[in-house]
Amino acid sequence: MLSIMGMVDYRMTDMFGINVKAGAQKKYMAGRARGCRDDREFKPAATVALRYLPNKSMVTELRSHYGLDDGCSSRGIRTVWENSLGLIWSITDKITLAPRAGYYIHDEKEKVSKTDEYGDTVRFGLDTAEFFISTTAEYKFNEHFLTYLTYKYNNTQYKYDDDRDYDVNEVKFGVKYTF
């Protein structure tokens, strides 16, 4: 995923701050999950985080993220909300650990329905709730360049179809450069 975001970080007091990001995100998928051309365009995204800083090495963060998915993989317009509570702990100047827990809500605007063999209408909306826990470890090489490793456990629950619920274990490794 590629994100182009503008950010404002405002410190209200010594212990409280707010962080706001807004911009666009573009996702890349391969294989059968590739989707269509609309899935590879930039979509609006925004994040608001309220931070509590009890000391210099620890930050507690309450975050809400909004994204829009408008492509064939979501069968029309779908909004994605993520709400989470996390802790950012700077163990040293170079090492940071960040556990987080929260949930996503995916709201599809277009629903799919069909009639079963008894004549009843059955809805197949992919409205979902995803509950997650994650841990990220970061290593800073310098003030601009860092590498990270994330483990995330997800439990996905569909609103209209109980037997399709599933669990996901995800591991990500990446690099980040800040201008």
C-alpha atoms as a PDB file:
ATOM      1  CA  MET A   1       0.000   0.000   0.000  1.00  0.00           C
ATOM      2  CA  LEU A   2       1.271   3.463  -0.868  1.00  0.00           C
ATOM      3  CA  SER A   3       0.138   6.372   1.316  1.00  0.00           C
ATOM      4  CA  ILE A   4       0.552  10.080   0.626  1.00  0.00           C
ATOM      5  CA  MET A   5      -0.509  11.911   3.769  1.00  0.00           C
ATOM      6  CA  GLY A   6      -0.157  15.378   5.259  1.00  0.00           C
ATOM      7  CA  MET A   7       0.253  15.446   9.039  1.00  0.00           C
ATOM      8  CA  VAL A   8      -0.293  17.900  11.894  1.00  0.00           C
ATOM      9  CA  ASP A   9       0.975  16.997  15.371  1.00  0.00           C
ATOM     10  CA  TYR A  10      -0.265  19.408  18.059  1.00  0.00           C
ATOM     11  CA  ARG A  11       0.826  19.188  21.679  1.00  0.00           C
ATOM     12  CA  MET A  12      -2.063  20.573  23.783  1.00  0.00           C
ATOM     13  CA  THR A  13      -0.219  20.211  27.110  1.00  0.00           C
ATOM     14  CA  ASP A  14       2.925  18.437  28.288  1.00  0.00           C
ATOM     15  CA  MET A  15       0.926  15.206  28.639  1.00  0.00           C
ATOM     16  CA  PHE A  16      -1.726  15.411  25.877  1.00  0.00           C
ATOM     17  CA  GLY A  17      -1.432  15.778  22.139  1.00  0.00           C
ATOM     18  CA  ILE A  18      -3.416  15.247  18.969  1.00  0.00           C
ATOM     19  CA  ASN A  19      -2.168  13.907  15.651  1.00  0.00           C
ATOM     20  CA  VAL A  20      -4.158  14.362  12.427  1.00  0.00           C
ATOM     21  CA  LYS A  21      -3.241  12.837   9.053  1.00  0.00           C
ATOM     22  CA  ALA A  22      -5.156  13.255   5.791  1.00  0.00           C
ATOM     23  CA  GLY A  23      -4.406  12.281   2.232  1.00  0.00           C
ATOM     24  CA  ALA A  24      -4.768   9.323  -0.103  1.00  0.00           C
ATOM     25  CA  GLN A  25      -3.855   5.643  -0.204  1.00  0.00           C
ATOM     26  CA  LYS A  26      -3.280   3.307  -3.115  1.00  0.00           C
ATOM     27  CA  LYS A  27      -3.211  -0.477  -2.784  1.00  0.00           C
ATOM     28  CA  TYR A  28      -1.406  -3.043  -4.886  1.00  0.00           C
ATOM     29  CA  MET A  29      -2.638  -6.618  -5.175  1.00  0.00           C
ATOM     30  CA  ALA A  30      -1.400  -9.524  -7.261  1.00  0.00           C
ATOM     31  CA  GLY A  31      -2.816 -12.775  -8.591  1.00  0.00           C
ATOM     32  CA  ARG A  32      -6.529 -13.537  -8.295  1.00  0.00           C
ATOM     33  CA  ALA A  33      -6.959 -10.806  -5.645  1.00  0.00           C
ATOM     34  CA  ARG A  34      -5.737  -8.183  -8.106  1.00  0.00           C
ATOM     35  CA  GLY A  35      -9.185  -6.661  -8.621  1.00  0.00           C
ATOM     36  CA  CYS A  36      -9.637  -4.125 -11.391  1.00  0.00           C
ATOM     37  CA  ARG A  37      -8.261  -0.752 -12.449  1.00  0.00           C
ATOM     38  CA  ASP A  38     -10.399   1.156  -9.894  1.00  0.00           C
ATOM     39  CA  ASP A  39      -8.786  -0.794  -7.052  1.00  0.00           C
ATOM     40  CA  ARG A  40      -5.376   0.589  -8.001  1.00  0.00           C
ATOM     41  CA  GLU A  41      -6.353   4.281  -7.868  1.00  0.00           C
ATOM     42  CA  PHE A  42      -5.729   6.637  -4.955  1.00  0.00           C
ATOM     43  CA  LYS A  43      -8.580   6.764  -2.391  1.00  0.00           C
ATOM     44  CA  PRO A  44      -9.112   9.315   0.411  1.00  0.00           C
ATOM     45  CA  ALA A  45      -7.968   8.428   3.931  1.00  0.00           C
ATOM     46  CA  ALA A  46      -7.752  10.234   7.283  1.00  0.00           C
ATOM     47  CA  THR A  47      -6.527   9.414  10.780  1.00  0.00           C
ATOM     48  CA  VAL A  48      -7.071  11.202  14.097  1.00  0.00           C
ATOM     49  CA  ALA A  49      -5.148  10.137  17.199  1.00  0.00           C
ATOM     50  CA  LEU A  50      -5.426  11.433  20.754  1.00  0.00           C
ATOM     51  CA  ARG A  51      -2.211  10.830  22.664  1.00  0.00           C
ATOM     52  CA  TYR A  52      -1.408  10.694  26.362  1.00  0.00           C
ATOM     53  CA  LEU A  53       2.296  11.024  27.208  1.00  0.00           C
ATOM     54  CA  PRO A  54       2.892  10.031  30.854  1.00  0.00           C
ATOM     55  CA  ASN A  55       6.686  10.190  30.346  1.00  0.00           C
ATOM     56  CA  LYS A  56       9.249  10.681  27.567  1.00  0.00           C
ATOM     57  CA  SER A  57       9.503   7.021  26.606  1.00  0.00           C
ATOM     58  CA  MET A  58       5.821   6.013  26.592  1.00  0.00           C
ATOM     59  CA  VAL A  59       2.766   7.165  24.618  1.00  0.00           C
ATOM     60  CA  THR A  60      -0.792   5.835  24.951  1.00  0.00           C
ATOM     61  CA  GLU A  61      -2.793   6.457  21.793  1.00  0.00           C
ATOM     62  CA  LEU A  62      -6.512   6.292  20.970  1.00  0.00           C
ATOM     63  CA  ARG A  63      -6.792   6.283  17.177  1.00  0.00           C
ATOM     64  CA  SER A  64      -9.567   6.399  14.577  1.00  0.00           C
ATOM     65  CA  HIS A  65      -8.822   5.849  10.873  1.00  0.00           C
ATOM     66  CA  TYR A  66     -11.221   6.313   7.933  1.00  0.00           C
ATOM     67  CA  GLY A  67     -10.669   4.978   4.434  1.00  0.00           C
ATOM     68  CA  LEU A  68     -12.774   4.627   1.299  1.00  0.00           C
ATOM     69  CA  ASP A  69     -12.635   1.633  -1.026  1.00  0.00           C
ATOM     70  CA  ASP A  70     -14.377   2.287  -4.341  1.00  0.00           C
ATOM     71  CA  GLY A  71     -13.634  -0.547  -6.710  1.00  0.00           C
ATOM     72  CA  CYS A  72     -14.739  -3.862  -8.093  1.00  0.00           C
ATOM     73  CA  SER A  73     -13.196  -5.861  -5.241  1.00  0.00           C
ATOM     74  CA  SER A  74     -15.750  -4.309  -2.876  1.00  0.00           C
ATOM     75  CA  ARG A  75     -18.674  -4.373  -5.372  1.00  0.00           C
ATOM     76  CA  GLY A  76     -19.108  -0.616  -5.140  1.00  0.00           C
ATOM     77  CA  ILE A  77     -18.400   1.912  -2.426  1.00  0.00           C
ATOM     78  CA  ARG A  78     -17.188   0.562   0.910  1.00  0.00           C
ATOM     79  CA  THR A  79     -16.112   2.589   3.927  1.00  0.00           C
ATOM     80  CA  VAL A  80     -13.539   1.260   6.364  1.00  0.00           C
ATOM     81  CA  TRP A  81     -13.294   2.520   9.952  1.00  0.00           C
ATOM     82  CA  GLU A  82     -10.516   1.412  12.284  1.00  0.00           C
ATOM     83  CA  ASN A  83     -10.647   2.292  15.978  1.00  0.00           C
ATOM     84  CA  SER A  84      -7.873   1.175  18.279  1.00  0.00           C
ATOM     85  CA  LEU A  85      -6.010   1.689  21.520  1.00  0.00           C
ATOM     86  CA  GLY A  86      -2.261   1.346  21.508  1.00  0.00           C
ATOM     87  CA  LEU A  87       0.915   1.908  23.443  1.00  0.00           C
ATOM     88  CA  ILE A  88       4.142   3.214  21.909  1.00  0.00           C
ATOM     89  CA  TRP A  89       7.149   2.430  24.084  1.00  0.00           C
ATOM     90  CA  SER A  90      10.603   3.761  23.172  1.00  0.00           C
ATOM     91  CA  ILE A  91      12.834   1.199  24.859  1.00  0.00           C
ATOM     92  CA  THR A  92      16.001   2.977  23.650  1.00  0.00           C
ATOM     93  CA  ASP A  93      16.688   5.795  21.177  1.00  0.00           C
ATOM     94  CA  LYS A  94      16.737   3.215  18.383  1.00  0.00           C
ATOM     95  CA  ILE A  95      14.222   0.521  19.468  1.00  0.00           C
ATOM     96  CA  THR A  96      10.449   1.029  19.781  1.00  0.00           C
ATOM     97  CA  LEU A  97       7.745  -1.499  20.684  1.00  0.00           C
ATOM     98  CA  ALA A  98       4.092  -0.745  19.861  1.00  0.00           C
ATOM     99  CA  PRO A  99       1.287  -3.159  20.878  1.00  0.00           C
ATOM    100  CA  ARG A 100      -2.256  -2.267  19.717  1.00  0.00           C
ATOM    101  CA  ALA A 101      -5.782  -3.680  19.998  1.00  0.00           C
ATOM    102  CA  GLY A 102      -8.891  -2.571  18.166  1.00  0.00           C
ATOM    103  CA  TYR A 103     -11.453  -3.272  15.485  1.00  0.00           C
ATOM    104  CA  TYR A 104     -12.331  -2.464  11.885  1.00  0.00           C
ATOM    105  CA  ILE A 105     -15.822  -1.940  10.529  1.00  0.00           C
ATOM    106  CA  HIS A 106     -16.281  -2.462   6.771  1.00  0.00           C
ATOM    107  CA  ASP A 107     -19.588  -1.041   5.518  1.00  0.00           C
ATOM    108  CA  GLU A 108     -20.603  -1.942   1.972  1.00  0.00           C
ATOM    109  CA  LYS A 109     -23.146   0.307   0.302  1.00  0.00           C
ATOM    110  CA  GLU A 110     -24.266  -2.301  -2.236  1.00  0.00           C
ATOM    111  CA  LYS A 111     -25.648  -5.618  -1.028  1.00  0.00           C
ATOM    112  CA  VAL A 112     -26.021  -8.861  -2.932  1.00  0.00           C
ATOM    113  CA  SER A 113     -29.118 -10.989  -2.426  1.00  0.00           C
ATOM    114  CA  LYS A 114     -30.565 -14.121  -3.959  1.00  0.00           C
ATOM    115  CA  THR A 115     -33.611 -16.320  -3.492  1.00  0.00           C
ATOM    116  CA  ASP A 116     -33.035 -19.727  -1.909  1.00  0.00           C
ATOM    117  CA  GLU A 117     -34.880 -22.956  -2.795  1.00  0.00           C
ATOM    118  CA  TYR A 118     -37.749 -22.050  -0.391  1.00  0.00           C
ATOM    119  CA  GLY A 119     -38.401 -18.650  -1.997  1.00  0.00           C
ATOM    120  CA  ASP A 120     -36.823 -16.665   0.857  1.00  0.00           C
ATOM    121  CA  THR A 121     -34.488 -13.776   0.068  1.00  0.00           C
ATOM    122  CA  VAL A 122     -31.000 -14.275   1.479  1.00  0.00           C
ATOM    123  CA  ARG A 123     -28.680 -11.267   1.868  1.00  0.00           C
ATOM    124  CA  PHE A 124     -24.966 -11.577   1.226  1.00  0.00           C
ATOM    125  CA  GLY A 125     -23.501  -8.262   2.275  1.00  0.00           C
ATOM    126  CA  LEU A 126     -19.856  -8.255   3.116  1.00  0.00           C
ATOM    127  CA  ASP A 127     -20.350  -5.873   6.036  1.00  0.00           C
ATOM    128  CA  THR A 128     -17.782  -7.107   8.496  1.00  0.00           C
ATOM    129  CA  ALA A 129     -16.311  -6.443  11.893  1.00  0.00           C
ATOM    130  CA  GLU A 130     -12.658  -7.346  12.373  1.00  0.00           C
ATOM    131  CA  PHE A 131     -11.128  -7.505  15.828  1.00  0.00           C
ATOM    132  CA  PHE A 132      -7.351  -7.416  16.043  1.00  0.00           C
ATOM    133  CA  ILE A 133      -4.292  -7.340  18.254  1.00  0.00           C
ATOM    134  CA  SER A 134      -0.872  -6.441  16.917  1.00  0.00           C
ATOM    135  CA  THR A 135       2.685  -5.757  17.989  1.00  0.00           C
ATOM    136  CA  THR A 136       5.227  -3.745  16.018  1.00  0.00           C
ATOM    137  CA  ALA A 137       8.950  -3.542  16.715  1.00  0.00           C
ATOM    138  CA  GLU A 138      10.929  -0.733  15.049  1.00  0.00           C
ATOM    139  CA  TYR A 139      14.651  -0.135  14.718  1.00  0.00           C
ATOM    140  CA  LYS A 140      15.818   3.389  13.764  1.00  0.00           C
ATOM    141  CA  PHE A 141      19.037   3.576  11.783  1.00  0.00           C
ATOM    142  CA  ASN A 142      18.924   7.393  11.900  1.00  0.00           C
ATOM    143  CA  GLU A 143      16.280  10.112  12.265  1.00  0.00           C
ATOM    144  CA  HIS A 144      14.948   9.527   8.730  1.00  0.00           C
ATOM    145  CA  PHE A 145      15.255   5.779   8.095  1.00  0.00           C
ATOM    146  CA  LEU A 146      13.808   2.874  10.095  1.00  0.00           C
ATOM    147  CA  THR A 147      12.849  -0.764   9.626  1.00  0.00           C
ATOM    148  CA  TYR A 148       9.914  -2.522  11.297  1.00  0.00           C
ATOM    149  CA  LEU A 149       8.444  -5.960  11.935  1.00  0.00           C
ATOM    150  CA  THR A 150       4.726  -6.379  12.738  1.00  0.00           C
ATOM    151  CA  TYR A 151       2.725  -9.397  13.896  1.00  0.00           C
ATOM    152  CA  LYS A 152      -1.066  -9.062  13.723  1.00  0.00           C
ATOM    153  CA  TYR A 153      -3.889 -11.454  14.662  1.00  0.00           C
ATOM    154  CA  ASN A 154      -7.306 -10.737  13.100  1.00  0.00           C
ATOM    155  CA  ASN A 155     -10.711 -12.293  13.731  1.00  0.00           C
ATOM    156  CA  THR A 156     -13.179 -11.413  10.970  1.00  0.00           C
ATOM    157  CA  GLN A 157     -16.928 -11.701  11.559  1.00  0.00           C
ATOM    158  CA  TYR A 158     -19.470 -11.211   8.783  1.00  0.00           C
ATOM    159  CA  LYS A 159     -22.740  -9.462   9.595  1.00  0.00           C
ATOM    160  CA  TYR A 160     -25.031 -11.585   7.391  1.00  0.00           C
ATOM    161  CA  ASP A 161     -23.278 -14.953   7.245  1.00  0.00           C
ATOM    162  CA  ASP A 162     -21.985 -16.553  10.464  1.00  0.00           C
ATOM    163  CA  ASP A 163     -20.316 -19.597   8.927  1.00  0.00           C
ATOM    164  CA  ARG A 164     -17.825 -17.487   6.963  1.00  0.00           C
ATOM    165  CA  ASP A 165     -15.947 -16.095   9.994  1.00  0.00           C
ATOM    166  CA  TYR A 166     -12.192 -16.654   9.949  1.00  0.00           C
ATOM    167  CA  ASP A 167      -8.892 -15.883  11.704  1.00  0.00           C
ATOM    168  CA  VAL A 168      -5.750 -14.406  10.142  1.00  0.00           C
ATOM    169  CA  ASN A 169      -2.152 -14.359  11.355  1.00  0.00           C
ATOM    170  CA  GLU A 170      -0.163 -11.701   9.493  1.00  0.00           C
ATOM    171  CA  VAL A 171       3.537 -10.832   9.582  1.00  0.00           C
ATOM    172  CA  LYS A 172       4.893  -7.697   7.875  1.00  0.00           C
ATOM    173  CA  PHE A 173       8.446  -6.490   7.427  1.00  0.00           C
ATOM    174  CA  GLY A 174       9.103  -3.054   5.992  1.00  0.00           C
ATOM    175  CA  VAL A 175      11.198   0.067   5.815  1.00  0.00           C
ATOM    176  CA  LYS A 176      10.131   3.672   6.263  1.00  0.00           C
ATOM    177  CA  TYR A 177      11.861   6.859   5.169  1.00  0.00           C
ATOM    178  CA  THR A 178      10.715  10.213   6.541  1.00  0.00           C
ATOM    179  CA  PHE A 179      11.638  13.441   4.754  1.00  0.00           C
END
